[in-house]
């Protein structure tokens, strides 16, 4: 897969929210979902779709439909980001972000059916090849599950000023500060070392 995404957040919905890199630096900001095809790359890498489903969707894409779908995908991502960011900061999420997220969740939930299997009921979604937005549905449902779970209190924002990605702190004492120790943690250590040497 070309240019793999850094999936370091510990949760698919948070990795999705992180697909705008250097969000707070207008000069260095990079849109990682630069096309519908790149969104499909993310969806496949994160497990929202299989390689076969990705190939089918790539075959169905027309440029105008892909452009419209991408605009909706980015709108959903931004809503998701600001809801989780508010939670990480201990603040009430913006009402418009919740409304936007709920609008997309309603479509994702409408596709689900309650089915009986192996002695219990479970929710099932159709394979994500129904529409160009179908690969977004598992990501939205993951976000909803996290928002309604006790783990929500462990959503954090990376302490690196140049990063600030969201992540789920699954560390033993829940004191993790970096989205990824190998990237942001080591960079911060190097900066502290350099400051002491100066």
N, C-alpha and C. Protein backbone atom coordinates (compact mmCIF):
# COMPACT_ATOMS: atom_id res chain seq x y z
N UNK A 1 0.85 -1.18 0.00
CA UNK A 1 0.00 0.00 0.00
C UNK A 1 0.90 1.24 0.00
N UNK A 2 0.64 2.19 -0.90
CA UNK A 2 1.51 3.37 -0.97
C UNK A 2 1.34 4.26 0.25
N UNK A 3 2.46 4.79 0.74
CA UNK A 3 2.43 5.76 1.85
C UNK A 3 1.47 5.35 2.94
N UNK A 4 1.87 4.37 3.73
CA UNK A 4 1.00 3.89 4.80
C UNK A 4 0.78 4.98 5.85
N UNK A 5 -0.39 4.93 6.48
CA UNK A 5 -0.75 5.86 7.54
C UNK A 5 -0.10 5.41 8.84
N UNK A 6 0.21 6.35 9.71
CA UNK A 6 0.73 6.03 11.04
C UNK A 6 -0.46 5.80 11.96
N UNK A 7 -0.75 4.54 12.21
CA UNK A 7 -1.88 4.19 13.06
C UNK A 7 -1.33 3.95 14.47
N UNK A 8 -1.22 5.02 15.24
CA UNK A 8 -0.58 4.96 16.55
C UNK A 8 -1.53 5.32 17.69
N UNK A 9 -2.78 5.65 17.36
CA UNK A 9 -3.71 6.17 18.38
C UNK A 9 -4.28 5.09 19.29
N UNK A 10 -4.19 3.83 18.89
CA UNK A 10 -4.75 2.76 19.71
C UNK A 10 -6.24 2.58 19.52
N UNK A 11 -6.82 3.29 18.55
CA UNK A 11 -8.25 3.17 18.26
C UNK A 11 -8.48 3.71 16.86
N UNK A 12 -9.23 2.96 16.06
CA UNK A 12 -9.42 3.33 14.65
C UNK A 12 -10.05 4.72 14.49
N UNK A 13 -11.04 5.06 15.32
CA UNK A 13 -11.69 6.36 15.19
C UNK A 13 -10.71 7.50 15.47
N UNK A 14 -9.82 7.32 16.43
CA UNK A 14 -8.83 8.36 16.74
C UNK A 14 -7.78 8.45 15.65
N UNK A 15 -7.38 7.31 15.09
CA UNK A 15 -6.46 7.35 13.95
C UNK A 15 -7.10 8.12 12.79
N UNK A 16 -8.38 7.92 12.58
CA UNK A 16 -9.10 8.64 11.53
C UNK A 16 -9.10 10.14 11.82
N UNK A 17 -9.37 10.51 13.07
CA UNK A 17 -9.37 11.92 13.45
C UNK A 17 -8.00 12.56 13.24
N UNK A 18 -6.95 11.74 13.25
CA UNK A 18 -5.58 12.24 13.10
C UNK A 18 -5.14 12.36 11.64
N UNK A 19 -6.04 12.22 10.70
CA UNK A 19 -5.62 12.25 9.29
C UNK A 19 -5.48 13.66 8.72
N UNK A 20 -5.46 14.65 9.58
CA UNK A 20 -5.02 15.99 9.20
C UNK A 20 -3.79 16.26 10.04
N UNK A 21 -2.62 16.18 9.42
CA UNK A 21 -1.36 16.28 10.14
C UNK A 21 -0.97 17.75 10.33
N UNK A 22 -0.32 18.04 11.44
CA UNK A 22 0.09 19.41 11.78
C UNK A 22 -1.12 20.36 11.71
N UNK A 23 -2.21 19.91 12.25
CA UNK A 23 -3.48 20.63 12.21
C UNK A 23 -3.36 22.09 12.66
N UNK A 24 -2.53 22.35 13.66
CA UNK A 24 -2.47 23.68 14.25
C UNK A 24 -1.34 24.55 13.68
N UNK A 25 -0.71 24.07 12.64
CA UNK A 25 0.37 24.84 12.00
C UNK A 25 0.01 25.03 10.52
N UNK A 26 -0.57 26.17 10.16
CA UNK A 26 -1.05 26.38 8.78
C UNK A 26 0.04 26.20 7.72
N UNK A 27 1.28 26.46 8.08
CA UNK A 27 2.37 26.35 7.10
C UNK A 27 2.72 24.88 6.84
N UNK A 28 2.69 24.05 7.89
CA UNK A 28 3.09 22.65 7.77
C UNK A 28 1.91 21.68 7.66
N UNK A 29 0.68 22.18 7.71
CA UNK A 29 -0.51 21.32 7.70
C UNK A 29 -0.54 20.44 6.45
N UNK A 30 -0.85 19.16 6.65
CA UNK A 30 -0.92 18.21 5.53
C UNK A 30 -2.22 17.42 5.63
N UNK A 31 -3.02 17.52 4.59
CA UNK A 31 -4.25 16.73 4.51
C UNK A 31 -3.87 15.33 4.04
N UNK A 32 -3.98 14.36 4.94
CA UNK A 32 -3.60 12.98 4.59
C UNK A 32 -4.68 12.28 3.77
N UNK A 33 -5.90 12.80 3.82
CA UNK A 33 -6.98 12.27 2.98
C UNK A 33 -7.12 13.20 1.77
N UNK A 34 -6.11 13.23 0.95
CA UNK A 34 -6.06 14.18 -0.17
C UNK A 34 -6.97 13.78 -1.33
N UNK A 35 -7.48 12.57 -1.31
CA UNK A 35 -8.39 12.09 -2.36
C UNK A 35 -9.25 10.97 -1.79
N UNK A 36 -10.31 10.63 -2.51
CA UNK A 36 -11.13 9.50 -2.08
C UNK A 36 -10.30 8.22 -2.08
N UNK A 37 -9.39 8.10 -3.03
CA UNK A 37 -8.52 6.92 -3.10
C UNK A 37 -7.67 6.79 -1.82
N UNK A 38 -7.19 7.94 -1.32
CA UNK A 38 -6.39 7.91 -0.08
C UNK A 38 -7.27 7.51 1.11
N UNK A 39 -8.53 7.96 1.10
CA UNK A 39 -9.44 7.51 2.15
C UNK A 39 -9.59 6.00 2.11
N UNK A 40 -9.73 5.44 0.90
CA UNK A 40 -9.83 3.98 0.78
C UNK A 40 -8.57 3.30 1.30
N UNK A 41 -7.40 3.92 1.04
CA UNK A 41 -6.14 3.38 1.59
C UNK A 41 -6.22 3.33 3.11
N UNK A 42 -6.70 4.43 3.72
CA UNK A 42 -6.84 4.45 5.18
C UNK A 42 -7.83 3.39 5.64
N UNK A 43 -8.98 3.32 4.99
CA UNK A 43 -10.02 2.37 5.38
C UNK A 43 -9.50 0.94 5.32
N UNK A 44 -8.73 0.62 4.29
CA UNK A 44 -8.18 -0.73 4.18
C UNK A 44 -7.11 -0.97 5.23
N UNK A 45 -6.18 -0.04 5.39
CA UNK A 45 -5.10 -0.24 6.36
C UNK A 45 -5.65 -0.36 7.78
N UNK A 46 -6.70 0.38 8.10
CA UNK A 46 -7.26 0.34 9.45
C UNK A 46 -8.23 -0.82 9.67
N UNK A 47 -8.53 -1.57 8.62
CA UNK A 47 -9.40 -2.73 8.74
C UNK A 47 -10.88 -2.44 8.58
N UNK A 48 -11.22 -1.23 8.14
CA UNK A 48 -12.64 -0.91 7.92
C UNK A 48 -13.17 -1.62 6.68
N UNK A 49 -12.30 -1.91 5.71
CA UNK A 49 -12.66 -2.66 4.51
C UNK A 49 -11.56 -3.67 4.21
N UNK A 50 -11.93 -4.69 3.47
CA UNK A 50 -10.95 -5.69 3.04
C UNK A 50 -10.32 -5.24 1.72
N UNK A 51 -9.20 -5.85 1.33
CA UNK A 51 -8.62 -5.52 0.02
C UNK A 51 -9.60 -5.75 -1.13
N UNK A 52 -10.41 -6.82 -1.05
CA UNK A 52 -11.39 -7.09 -2.10
C UNK A 52 -12.44 -5.98 -2.16
N UNK A 53 -12.95 -5.56 -1.01
CA UNK A 53 -13.93 -4.48 -0.97
C UNK A 53 -13.32 -3.18 -1.50
N UNK A 54 -12.05 -2.94 -1.17
CA UNK A 54 -11.37 -1.75 -1.68
C UNK A 54 -11.31 -1.77 -3.20
N UNK A 55 -10.95 -2.92 -3.78
CA UNK A 55 -10.87 -3.03 -5.24
C UNK A 55 -12.23 -2.77 -5.88
N UNK A 56 -13.29 -3.30 -5.27
CA UNK A 56 -14.64 -3.08 -5.81
C UNK A 56 -15.00 -1.60 -5.77
N UNK A 57 -14.72 -0.95 -4.65
CA UNK A 57 -15.05 0.47 -4.53
C UNK A 57 -14.23 1.31 -5.50
N UNK A 58 -12.96 0.97 -5.67
CA UNK A 58 -12.12 1.72 -6.62
C UNK A 58 -12.70 1.61 -8.04
N UNK A 59 -13.29 0.46 -8.35
CA UNK A 59 -13.88 0.27 -9.67
C UNK A 59 -15.17 1.05 -9.87
N UNK A 60 -15.82 1.45 -8.77
CA UNK A 60 -17.10 2.16 -8.87
C UNK A 60 -16.96 3.67 -8.79
N UNK A 61 -15.76 4.16 -8.56
CA UNK A 61 -15.58 5.60 -8.30
C UNK A 61 -15.64 6.41 -9.58
N UNK A 62 -16.52 7.42 -9.58
CA UNK A 62 -16.48 8.41 -10.64
C UNK A 62 -15.99 9.71 -9.99
N UNK A 63 -15.27 10.55 -10.72
CA UNK A 63 -14.63 11.72 -10.11
C UNK A 63 -15.57 12.64 -9.35
N UNK A 64 -16.75 12.94 -9.87
CA UNK A 64 -17.64 13.87 -9.17
C UNK A 64 -18.21 13.23 -7.90
N UNK A 65 -18.54 11.94 -7.99
CA UNK A 65 -19.03 11.23 -6.80
C UNK A 65 -17.97 11.12 -5.73
N UNK A 66 -16.73 10.87 -6.16
CA UNK A 66 -15.62 10.74 -5.21
C UNK A 66 -15.36 12.07 -4.51
N UNK A 67 -15.44 13.16 -5.26
CA UNK A 67 -15.20 14.49 -4.67
C UNK A 67 -16.26 14.82 -3.62
N UNK A 68 -17.51 14.52 -3.94
CA UNK A 68 -18.60 14.77 -2.99
C UNK A 68 -18.46 13.88 -1.75
N UNK A 69 -18.15 12.61 -1.96
CA UNK A 69 -17.97 11.68 -0.84
C UNK A 69 -16.82 12.13 0.05
N UNK A 70 -15.72 12.55 -0.56
CA UNK A 70 -14.56 12.98 0.22
C UNK A 70 -14.91 14.20 1.08
N UNK A 71 -15.67 15.13 0.55
CA UNK A 71 -16.08 16.31 1.33
C UNK A 71 -16.88 15.87 2.56
N UNK A 72 -17.75 14.89 2.40
CA UNK A 72 -18.55 14.38 3.52
C UNK A 72 -17.67 13.64 4.52
N UNK A 73 -16.72 12.87 4.01
CA UNK A 73 -15.81 12.11 4.88
C UNK A 73 -14.99 13.07 5.73
N UNK A 74 -14.49 14.13 5.13
CA UNK A 74 -13.70 15.13 5.86
C UNK A 74 -14.59 15.86 6.87
N UNK A 75 -15.83 16.16 6.50
CA UNK A 75 -16.74 16.81 7.44
C UNK A 75 -16.97 15.92 8.66
N UNK A 76 -17.18 14.63 8.44
CA UNK A 76 -17.37 13.69 9.55
C UNK A 76 -16.10 13.60 10.40
N UNK A 77 -14.95 13.58 9.74
CA UNK A 77 -13.68 13.50 10.48
C UNK A 77 -13.49 14.73 11.37
N UNK A 78 -13.78 15.90 10.84
CA UNK A 78 -13.60 17.12 11.62
C UNK A 78 -14.54 17.14 12.82
N UNK A 79 -15.78 16.72 12.64
CA UNK A 79 -16.71 16.64 13.76
C UNK A 79 -16.18 15.68 14.81
N UNK A 80 -15.73 14.52 14.36
CA UNK A 80 -15.19 13.52 15.27
C UNK A 80 -13.99 14.08 16.03
N UNK A 81 -13.10 14.74 15.31
CA UNK A 81 -11.90 15.31 15.94
C UNK A 81 -12.28 16.27 17.06
N UNK A 82 -13.18 17.20 16.78
CA UNK A 82 -13.50 18.21 17.78
C UNK A 82 -14.28 17.65 18.96
N UNK A 83 -15.07 16.61 18.74
CA UNK A 83 -15.74 15.95 19.86
C UNK A 83 -14.70 15.29 20.76
N UNK A 84 -13.79 14.50 20.18
CA UNK A 84 -12.78 13.82 20.99
C UNK A 84 -11.79 14.80 21.62
N UNK A 85 -11.44 15.85 20.90
CA UNK A 85 -10.52 16.86 21.45
C UNK A 85 -11.13 17.52 22.68
N UNK A 86 -12.40 17.85 22.61
CA UNK A 86 -13.08 18.45 23.76
C UNK A 86 -13.07 17.51 24.95
N UNK A 87 -13.33 16.24 24.70
CA UNK A 87 -13.32 15.25 25.77
C UNK A 87 -11.92 15.18 26.39
N UNK A 88 -10.89 15.15 25.55
CA UNK A 88 -9.51 15.07 26.05
C UNK A 88 -9.16 16.29 26.90
N UNK A 89 -9.74 17.44 26.56
CA UNK A 89 -9.47 18.68 27.29
C UNK A 89 -10.39 18.86 28.49
N UNK A 90 -11.32 17.92 28.69
CA UNK A 90 -12.24 18.02 29.82
C UNK A 90 -13.31 19.07 29.62
N UNK A 91 -13.65 19.34 28.37
CA UNK A 91 -14.65 20.37 28.05
C UNK A 91 -15.86 19.73 27.37
N UNK A 92 -16.95 20.47 27.35
CA UNK A 92 -18.15 20.01 26.64
C UNK A 92 -17.89 20.10 25.13
N UNK A 93 -18.21 19.05 24.38
CA UNK A 93 -18.01 19.08 22.92
C UNK A 93 -18.90 20.12 22.26
N UNK A 94 -18.45 20.70 21.14
CA UNK A 94 -19.28 21.67 20.42
C UNK A 94 -20.56 21.01 19.92
N UNK A 95 -21.67 21.71 20.11
CA UNK A 95 -22.98 21.18 19.72
C UNK A 95 -23.02 20.86 18.22
N UNK A 96 -22.45 21.73 17.38
CA UNK A 96 -22.51 21.49 15.94
C UNK A 96 -21.71 20.25 15.55
N UNK A 97 -20.62 19.98 16.26
CA UNK A 97 -19.84 18.77 15.98
C UNK A 97 -20.62 17.52 16.35
N UNK A 98 -21.32 17.57 17.50
CA UNK A 98 -22.15 16.43 17.90
C UNK A 98 -23.27 16.22 16.89
N UNK A 99 -23.90 17.31 16.45
CA UNK A 99 -24.99 17.19 15.47
C UNK A 99 -24.50 16.58 14.16
N UNK A 100 -23.33 17.03 13.69
CA UNK A 100 -22.77 16.50 12.45
C UNK A 100 -22.45 15.01 12.61
N UNK A 101 -21.82 14.66 13.71
CA UNK A 101 -21.48 13.26 13.96
C UNK A 101 -22.75 12.41 14.02
N UNK A 102 -23.78 12.91 14.69
CA UNK A 102 -25.05 12.16 14.77
C UNK A 102 -25.70 11.99 13.41
N UNK A 103 -25.58 12.98 12.55
CA UNK A 103 -26.16 12.88 11.20
C UNK A 103 -25.52 11.72 10.43
N UNK A 104 -24.19 11.63 10.50
CA UNK A 104 -23.51 10.54 9.80
C UNK A 104 -23.72 9.20 10.50
N UNK A 105 -23.81 9.22 11.83
CA UNK A 105 -24.07 7.99 12.57
C UNK A 105 -25.44 7.42 12.26
N UNK A 106 -26.42 8.29 12.05
CA UNK A 106 -27.77 7.82 11.74
C UNK A 106 -27.76 6.98 10.47
N UNK A 107 -27.01 7.42 9.48
CA UNK A 107 -26.91 6.65 8.23
C UNK A 107 -26.20 5.32 8.48
N UNK A 108 -25.12 5.36 9.25
CA UNK A 108 -24.37 4.12 9.55
C UNK A 108 -25.24 3.14 10.33
N UNK A 109 -25.96 3.64 11.34
CA UNK A 109 -26.83 2.77 12.15
C UNK A 109 -27.99 2.22 11.33
N UNK A 110 -28.50 3.01 10.39
CA UNK A 110 -29.63 2.56 9.57
C UNK A 110 -29.28 1.35 8.73
N UNK A 111 -28.00 1.17 8.45
CA UNK A 111 -27.56 0.03 7.65
C UNK A 111 -27.45 -1.25 8.48
N UNK A 112 -27.42 -1.13 9.80
CA UNK A 112 -27.24 -2.30 10.66
C UNK A 112 -28.54 -3.07 10.85
N UNK A 113 -28.38 -4.37 11.06
CA UNK A 113 -29.53 -5.24 11.34
C UNK A 113 -29.16 -6.13 12.52
N UNK A 114 -30.16 -6.40 13.33
CA UNK A 114 -29.99 -7.32 14.45
C UNK A 114 -30.15 -8.74 13.93
N UNK A 115 -29.16 -9.59 14.12
CA UNK A 115 -29.24 -10.96 13.63
C UNK A 115 -28.91 -11.94 14.76
N UNK A 116 -29.45 -13.13 14.61
CA UNK A 116 -29.22 -14.19 15.57
C UNK A 116 -28.14 -15.12 15.02
N UNK A 117 -27.15 -15.40 15.83
CA UNK A 117 -26.11 -16.31 15.40
C UNK A 117 -25.31 -16.82 16.58
N UNK A 118 -24.98 -18.10 16.58
CA UNK A 118 -24.19 -18.74 17.62
C UNK A 118 -24.77 -18.50 19.02
N UNK A 119 -26.09 -18.61 19.10
CA UNK A 119 -26.75 -18.53 20.39
C UNK A 119 -26.92 -17.15 20.99
N UNK A 120 -26.72 -16.10 20.18
CA UNK A 120 -26.88 -14.74 20.71
C UNK A 120 -27.21 -13.78 19.58
N UNK A 121 -27.73 -12.62 19.95
CA UNK A 121 -27.99 -11.56 18.99
C UNK A 121 -26.75 -10.69 18.82
N UNK A 122 -26.57 -10.16 17.63
CA UNK A 122 -25.50 -9.20 17.39
C UNK A 122 -25.89 -8.27 16.25
N UNK A 123 -25.27 -7.09 16.26
CA UNK A 123 -25.50 -6.14 15.18
C UNK A 123 -24.62 -6.51 14.01
N UNK A 124 -25.19 -6.47 12.82
CA UNK A 124 -24.42 -6.74 11.59
C UNK A 124 -24.63 -5.60 10.63
N UNK A 125 -23.56 -5.23 9.97
CA UNK A 125 -23.63 -4.23 8.91
C UNK A 125 -23.41 -4.93 7.59
N UNK A 126 -24.00 -4.41 6.52
CA UNK A 126 -23.74 -5.00 5.21
C UNK A 126 -22.28 -4.76 4.83
N UNK A 127 -21.75 -5.55 3.89
CA UNK A 127 -20.39 -5.31 3.44
C UNK A 127 -20.25 -3.87 2.94
N UNK A 128 -19.10 -3.20 3.25
CA UNK A 128 -18.97 -1.79 2.90
C UNK A 128 -18.71 -1.55 1.42
N UNK A 129 -19.61 -2.02 0.58
CA UNK A 129 -19.49 -1.73 -0.86
C UNK A 129 -20.83 -1.20 -1.39
N UNK A 130 -21.69 -0.76 -0.49
CA UNK A 130 -23.01 -0.28 -0.90
C UNK A 130 -22.95 1.12 -1.51
N UNK A 131 -22.11 1.97 -0.94
CA UNK A 131 -21.98 3.34 -1.43
C UNK A 131 -20.56 3.81 -1.14
N UNK A 132 -20.21 4.96 -1.68
CA UNK A 132 -18.86 5.49 -1.46
C UNK A 132 -18.63 5.84 0.00
N UNK A 133 -19.70 6.09 0.76
CA UNK A 133 -19.55 6.40 2.19
C UNK A 133 -19.57 5.15 3.06
N UNK A 134 -19.87 3.99 2.50
CA UNK A 134 -19.95 2.77 3.31
C UNK A 134 -18.68 2.47 4.12
N UNK A 135 -17.47 2.69 3.59
CA UNK A 135 -16.28 2.42 4.41
C UNK A 135 -16.15 3.34 5.62
N UNK A 136 -16.86 4.47 5.60
CA UNK A 136 -16.85 5.38 6.74
C UNK A 136 -17.67 4.82 7.90
N UNK A 137 -18.67 3.99 7.61
CA UNK A 137 -19.60 3.52 8.63
C UNK A 137 -18.92 2.77 9.77
N UNK A 138 -18.02 1.80 9.52
CA UNK A 138 -17.38 1.13 10.66
C UNK A 138 -16.58 2.09 11.53
N UNK A 139 -16.00 3.12 10.92
CA UNK A 139 -15.22 4.10 11.67
C UNK A 139 -16.15 4.92 12.56
N UNK A 140 -17.29 5.33 12.01
CA UNK A 140 -18.27 6.08 12.80
C UNK A 140 -18.81 5.25 13.95
N UNK A 141 -19.10 3.98 13.69
CA UNK A 141 -19.62 3.11 14.74
C UNK A 141 -18.58 2.88 15.83
N UNK A 142 -17.31 2.77 15.44
CA UNK A 142 -16.22 2.68 16.43
C UNK A 142 -16.18 3.94 17.29
N UNK A 143 -16.32 5.10 16.65
CA UNK A 143 -16.30 6.37 17.39
C UNK A 143 -17.45 6.40 18.40
N UNK A 144 -18.65 6.00 17.96
CA UNK A 144 -19.81 6.00 18.85
C UNK A 144 -19.59 5.05 20.03
N UNK A 145 -19.03 3.88 19.75
CA UNK A 145 -18.76 2.91 20.82
C UNK A 145 -17.78 3.50 21.85
N UNK A 146 -16.73 4.15 21.36
CA UNK A 146 -15.76 4.75 22.28
C UNK A 146 -16.38 5.89 23.08
N UNK A 147 -17.17 6.72 22.41
CA UNK A 147 -17.80 7.85 23.10
C UNK A 147 -18.74 7.39 24.21
N UNK A 148 -19.33 6.21 24.04
CA UNK A 148 -20.27 5.70 25.04
C UNK A 148 -19.62 4.71 26.01
N UNK A 149 -18.30 4.57 25.95
CA UNK A 149 -17.63 3.57 26.79
C UNK A 149 -16.87 4.22 27.95
N UNK A 150 -16.56 3.45 28.99
CA UNK A 150 -15.75 3.98 30.09
C UNK A 150 -14.34 4.39 29.65
N UNK A 151 -13.87 3.84 28.53
CA UNK A 151 -12.53 4.18 28.04
C UNK A 151 -12.43 5.62 27.54
N UNK A 152 -13.56 6.29 27.37
CA UNK A 152 -13.54 7.66 26.87
C UNK A 152 -12.66 8.56 27.73
N UNK A 153 -12.61 8.28 29.03
CA UNK A 153 -11.81 9.13 29.92
C UNK A 153 -10.31 9.00 29.66
N UNK A 154 -9.92 8.02 28.84
CA UNK A 154 -8.49 7.84 28.54
C UNK A 154 -8.09 8.40 27.18
N UNK A 155 -8.99 9.15 26.55
CA UNK A 155 -8.62 9.82 25.31
C UNK A 155 -7.73 11.00 25.66
N UNK A 156 -6.58 11.08 25.01
CA UNK A 156 -5.59 12.13 25.30
C UNK A 156 -5.18 12.82 24.00
N UNK A 157 -4.57 13.99 24.17
CA UNK A 157 -3.96 14.71 23.07
C UNK A 157 -2.45 14.67 23.28
N UNK A 158 -1.70 14.36 22.23
CA UNK A 158 -0.25 14.28 22.32
C UNK A 158 0.32 15.59 22.87
N UNK A 159 1.27 15.49 23.79
CA UNK A 159 1.86 16.67 24.42
C UNK A 159 2.81 17.44 23.52
N UNK A 160 3.21 16.84 22.40
CA UNK A 160 4.13 17.54 21.50
C UNK A 160 3.38 18.66 20.79
N UNK A 161 3.86 19.89 20.96
CA UNK A 161 3.20 21.05 20.35
C UNK A 161 3.09 20.92 18.84
N UNK A 162 4.06 20.28 18.22
CA UNK A 162 4.04 20.15 16.76
C UNK A 162 3.18 19.00 16.29
N UNK A 163 2.62 18.22 17.21
CA UNK A 163 1.82 17.05 16.83
C UNK A 163 0.37 17.22 17.26
N UNK A 164 0.15 16.97 18.55
CA UNK A 164 -1.18 17.09 19.17
C UNK A 164 -2.21 16.12 18.60
N UNK A 165 -1.73 14.95 18.11
CA UNK A 165 -2.66 13.91 17.68
C UNK A 165 -3.39 13.36 18.89
N UNK A 166 -4.55 12.78 18.65
CA UNK A 166 -5.33 12.13 19.69
C UNK A 166 -4.92 10.67 19.82
N UNK A 167 -5.04 10.14 21.03
CA UNK A 167 -4.75 8.72 21.22
C UNK A 167 -5.50 8.21 22.43
N UNK A 168 -5.62 6.90 22.52
CA UNK A 168 -6.26 6.24 23.67
C UNK A 168 -5.16 5.74 24.58
N UNK A 169 -5.10 6.28 25.77
CA UNK A 169 -4.04 5.94 26.73
C UNK A 169 -4.36 4.62 27.41
N UNK A 170 -3.74 3.56 26.93
CA UNK A 170 -3.93 2.24 27.52
C UNK A 170 -2.74 1.85 28.40
N UNK A 171 -1.91 2.82 28.76
CA UNK A 171 -0.77 2.51 29.62
C UNK A 171 -1.26 2.09 31.00
N UNK A 172 -0.41 1.41 31.73
CA UNK A 172 -0.81 0.81 33.01
C UNK A 172 -1.36 1.85 33.99
N UNK A 173 -0.69 2.99 34.11
CA UNK A 173 -1.16 4.00 35.06
C UNK A 173 -1.81 5.20 34.36
N UNK A 174 -2.08 5.06 33.07
CA UNK A 174 -2.77 6.08 32.27
C UNK A 174 -2.08 7.44 32.33
N UNK A 175 -0.75 7.41 32.19
CA UNK A 175 0.02 8.66 32.24
C UNK A 175 0.80 8.91 30.95
N UNK A 176 0.41 8.23 29.90
CA UNK A 176 1.09 8.40 28.61
C UNK A 176 0.92 9.84 28.12
N UNK A 177 1.99 10.42 27.57
CA UNK A 177 1.96 11.81 27.13
C UNK A 177 2.06 11.97 25.62
N UNK A 178 2.56 10.93 24.95
CA UNK A 178 2.86 11.07 23.52
C UNK A 178 1.99 10.12 22.71
N UNK A 179 1.66 10.54 21.49
CA UNK A 179 0.91 9.64 20.61
C UNK A 179 1.75 8.41 20.31
N UNK A 180 3.07 8.62 20.17
CA UNK A 180 3.99 7.53 19.89
C UNK A 180 5.35 7.88 20.50
N UNK A 181 5.83 7.05 21.40
CA UNK A 181 7.10 7.32 22.08
C UNK A 181 8.26 7.38 21.10
N UNK A 182 8.21 6.54 20.06
CA UNK A 182 9.31 6.50 19.10
C UNK A 182 9.38 7.78 18.26
N UNK A 183 8.26 8.45 18.09
CA UNK A 183 8.24 9.66 17.26
C UNK A 183 8.28 10.89 18.15
N UNK A 184 7.18 11.22 18.77
CA UNK A 184 7.08 12.45 19.55
C UNK A 184 7.85 12.37 20.87
N UNK A 185 7.81 11.23 21.52
CA UNK A 185 8.53 11.09 22.79
C UNK A 185 10.03 11.27 22.61
N UNK A 186 10.60 10.60 21.61
CA UNK A 186 12.03 10.73 21.36
C UNK A 186 12.41 12.13 20.91
N UNK A 187 11.53 12.76 20.12
CA UNK A 187 11.80 14.13 19.67
C UNK A 187 11.85 15.07 20.88
N UNK A 188 10.92 14.90 21.82
CA UNK A 188 10.90 15.74 23.02
C UNK A 188 12.14 15.50 23.87
N UNK A 189 12.55 14.24 23.99
CA UNK A 189 13.77 13.93 24.75
C UNK A 189 14.98 14.60 24.12
N UNK A 190 15.06 14.53 22.78
CA UNK A 190 16.19 15.14 22.07
C UNK A 190 16.20 16.65 22.26
N UNK A 191 15.02 17.28 22.24
CA UNK A 191 14.95 18.74 22.45
C UNK A 191 15.39 19.10 23.85
N UNK A 192 14.97 18.31 24.86
CA UNK A 192 15.39 18.60 26.23
C UNK A 192 16.90 18.44 26.36
N UNK A 193 17.46 17.40 25.75
CA UNK A 193 18.90 17.17 25.80
C UNK A 193 19.64 18.33 25.15
N UNK A 194 19.17 18.76 23.99
CA UNK A 194 19.80 19.86 23.27
C UNK A 194 19.73 21.15 24.09
N UNK A 195 18.62 21.39 24.76
CA UNK A 195 18.48 22.59 25.60
C UNK A 195 19.46 22.57 26.75
N UNK A 196 19.67 21.40 27.36
CA UNK A 196 20.62 21.29 28.49
C UNK A 196 22.04 21.51 28.01
N UNK A 197 22.34 21.08 26.77
CA UNK A 197 23.70 21.21 26.24
C UNK A 197 24.02 22.64 25.83
N UNK A 198 22.98 23.42 25.51
CA UNK A 198 23.20 24.79 25.02
C UNK A 198 23.61 25.76 26.11
